[in-house]
Amino acid sequence: MISEFEIIAEKVKKLSEMVHALRLENAELRRNAASLTADNQDLQQRMQQAHQRIEKILAQLPADSLSGDDADGADDAIRGEAA
């Protein structure tokens, strides 16, 4: 009977240690998740700013430089081909 109690006590002790370890791991995972969320928000903001800068640059380009006919010539020029 005493050995049964000792076995149960040992199992409870191991369970308690596992719960403690899991709580520590959970806290670390929550910190990591919070950090990654902040990083993600920062990157989203930077992408939005870059998008706005590109839109501003595109708005400053002459309208005819965006037409289909000139775009083909520009593509050829970029590739180094004669127009």
C-alpha atoms as a PDB file:
ATOM      1  CA  MET A   1       0.000   0.000   0.000  1.00  0.00           C
ATOM      2  CA  ILE A   2       2.822   2.413   0.836  1.00  0.00           C
ATOM      3  CA  SER A   3       4.598   1.615  -2.405  1.00  0.00           C
ATOM      4  CA  GLU A   4       1.413   2.478  -4.315  1.00  0.00           C
ATOM      5  CA  PHE A   5       1.376   5.885  -2.641  1.00  0.00           C
ATOM      6  CA  GLU A   6       5.036   6.374  -3.478  1.00  0.00           C
ATOM      7  CA  ILE A   7       4.354   5.510  -7.124  1.00  0.00           C
ATOM      8  CA  ILE A   8       1.422   7.928  -7.223  1.00  0.00           C
ATOM      9  CA  ALA A   9       3.485  10.621  -5.464  1.00  0.00           C
ATOM     10  CA  GLU A  10       6.299  10.178  -8.006  1.00  0.00           C
ATOM     11  CA  LYS A  11       3.833  10.432 -10.882  1.00  0.00           C
ATOM     12  CA  VAL A  12       2.305  13.588  -9.389  1.00  0.00           C
ATOM     13  CA  LYS A  13       5.782  15.055  -8.982  1.00  0.00           C
ATOM     14  CA  LYS A  14       6.653  14.300 -12.627  1.00  0.00           C
ATOM     15  CA  LEU A  15       3.324  15.748 -13.746  1.00  0.00           C
ATOM     16  CA  SER A  16       3.989  18.897 -11.728  1.00  0.00           C
ATOM     17  CA  GLU A  17       7.445  19.245 -13.303  1.00  0.00           C
ATOM     18  CA  MET A  18       5.991  18.780 -16.782  1.00  0.00           C
ATOM     19  CA  VAL A  19       3.301  21.391 -16.131  1.00  0.00           C
ATOM     20  CA  HIS A  20       5.968  23.840 -14.955  1.00  0.00           C
ATOM     21  CA  ALA A  21       8.134  23.183 -18.026  1.00  0.00           C
ATOM     22  CA  LEU A  22       5.132  23.576 -20.341  1.00  0.00           C
ATOM     23  CA  ARG A  23       4.148  26.854 -18.684  1.00  0.00           C
ATOM     24  CA  LEU A  24       7.666  28.198 -19.233  1.00  0.00           C
ATOM     25  CA  GLU A  25       7.613  27.050 -22.854  1.00  0.00           C
ATOM     26  CA  ASN A  26       4.165  28.567 -23.355  1.00  0.00           C
ATOM     27  CA  ALA A  27       5.345  31.908 -21.981  1.00  0.00           C
ATOM     28  CA  GLU A  28       8.340  31.855 -24.329  1.00  0.00           C
ATOM     29  CA  LEU A  29       6.124  31.001 -27.291  1.00  0.00           C
ATOM     30  CA  ARG A  30       3.790  33.869 -26.413  1.00  0.00           C
ATOM     31  CA  ARG A  31       6.762  36.272 -26.311  1.00  0.00           C
ATOM     32  CA  ASN A  32       7.975  34.973 -29.663  1.00  0.00           C
ATOM     33  CA  ALA A  33       4.497  35.296 -31.162  1.00  0.00           C
ATOM     34  CA  ALA A  34       4.228  38.880 -29.910  1.00  0.00           C
ATOM     35  CA  SER A  35       7.630  39.709 -31.369  1.00  0.00           C
ATOM     36  CA  LEU A  36       6.744  38.141 -34.717  1.00  0.00           C
ATOM     37  CA  THR A  37       3.435  40.003 -34.779  1.00  0.00           C
ATOM     38  CA  ALA A  38       5.263  43.287 -34.209  1.00  0.00           C
ATOM     39  CA  ASP A  39       7.782  42.410 -36.943  1.00  0.00           C
ATOM     40  CA  ASN A  40       4.935  41.544 -39.306  1.00  0.00           C
ATOM     41  CA  GLN A  41       3.185  44.851 -38.620  1.00  0.00           C
ATOM     42  CA  ASP A  42       6.448  46.716 -39.243  1.00  0.00           C
ATOM     43  CA  LEU A  43       6.994  44.916 -42.538  1.00  0.00           C
ATOM     44  CA  GLN A  44       3.405  45.561 -43.624  1.00  0.00           C
ATOM     45  CA  GLN A  45       3.866  49.259 -42.887  1.00  0.00           C
ATOM     46  CA  ARG A  46       7.122  49.337 -44.847  1.00  0.00           C
ATOM     47  CA  MET A  47       5.450  47.578 -47.785  1.00  0.00           C
ATOM     48  CA  GLN A  48       2.610  50.113 -47.712  1.00  0.00           C
ATOM     49  CA  GLN A  49       5.111  52.980 -47.692  1.00  0.00           C
ATOM     50  CA  ALA A  50       7.010  51.459 -50.608  1.00  0.00           C
ATOM     51  CA  HIS A  51       3.747  50.983 -52.487  1.00  0.00           C
ATOM     52  CA  GLN A  52       2.841  54.630 -51.912  1.00  0.00           C
ATOM     53  CA  ARG A  53       6.272  55.775 -53.137  1.00  0.00           C
ATOM     54  CA  ILE A  54       5.931  53.658 -56.274  1.00  0.00           C
ATOM     55  CA  GLU A  55       2.434  55.000 -56.913  1.00  0.00           C
ATOM     56  CA  LYS A  56       3.769  58.547 -56.535  1.00  0.00           C
ATOM     57  CA  ILE A  57       6.599  57.875 -58.990  1.00  0.00           C
ATOM     58  CA  LEU A  58       4.212  56.274 -61.484  1.00  0.00           C
ATOM     59  CA  ALA A  59       1.880  59.256 -61.211  1.00  0.00           C
ATOM     60  CA  GLN A  60       4.763  61.550 -62.169  1.00  0.00           C
ATOM     61  CA  LEU A  61       5.563  59.628 -65.355  1.00  0.00           C
ATOM     62  CA  PRO A  62       4.158  61.023 -68.584  1.00  0.00           C
ATOM     63  CA  ALA A  63       0.958  59.246 -69.620  1.00  0.00           C
ATOM     64  CA  ASP A  64       2.299  58.248 -73.051  1.00  0.00           C
ATOM     65  CA  SER A  65       5.214  56.364 -71.470  1.00  0.00           C
ATOM     66  CA  LEU A  66       2.697  53.939 -70.008  1.00  0.00           C
ATOM     67  CA  SER A  67       0.912  53.178 -73.302  1.00  0.00           C
ATOM     68  CA  GLY A  68       1.193  49.767 -74.939  1.00  0.00           C
ATOM     69  CA  ASP A  69       3.086  50.928 -78.065  1.00  0.00           C
ATOM     70  CA  ASP A  70       5.862  52.680 -76.200  1.00  0.00           C
ATOM     71  CA  ALA A  71       6.026  49.970 -73.576  1.00  0.00           C
ATOM     72  CA  ASP A  72       7.079  47.415 -76.205  1.00  0.00           C
ATOM     73  CA  GLY A  73       9.914  49.656 -77.344  1.00  0.00           C
ATOM     74  CA  ALA A  74      10.952  50.241 -73.761  1.00  0.00           C
ATOM     75  CA  ASP A  75      11.012  46.495 -73.144  1.00  0.00           C
ATOM     76  CA  ASP A  76      13.235  46.057 -76.217  1.00  0.00           C
ATOM     77  CA  ALA A  77      15.543  48.818 -74.997  1.00  0.00           C
ATOM     78  CA  ILE A  78      15.794  47.189 -71.588  1.00  0.00           C
ATOM     79  CA  ARG A  79      16.729  43.872 -73.178  1.00  0.00           C
ATOM     80  CA  GLY A  80      19.272  45.669 -75.393  1.00  0.00           C
ATOM     81  CA  GLU A  81      17.406  44.971 -78.621  1.00  0.00           C
ATOM     82  CA  ALA A  82      16.937  47.508 -81.396  1.00  0.00           C
ATOM     83  CA  ALA A  83      13.515  49.132 -81.571  1.00  0.00           C
END
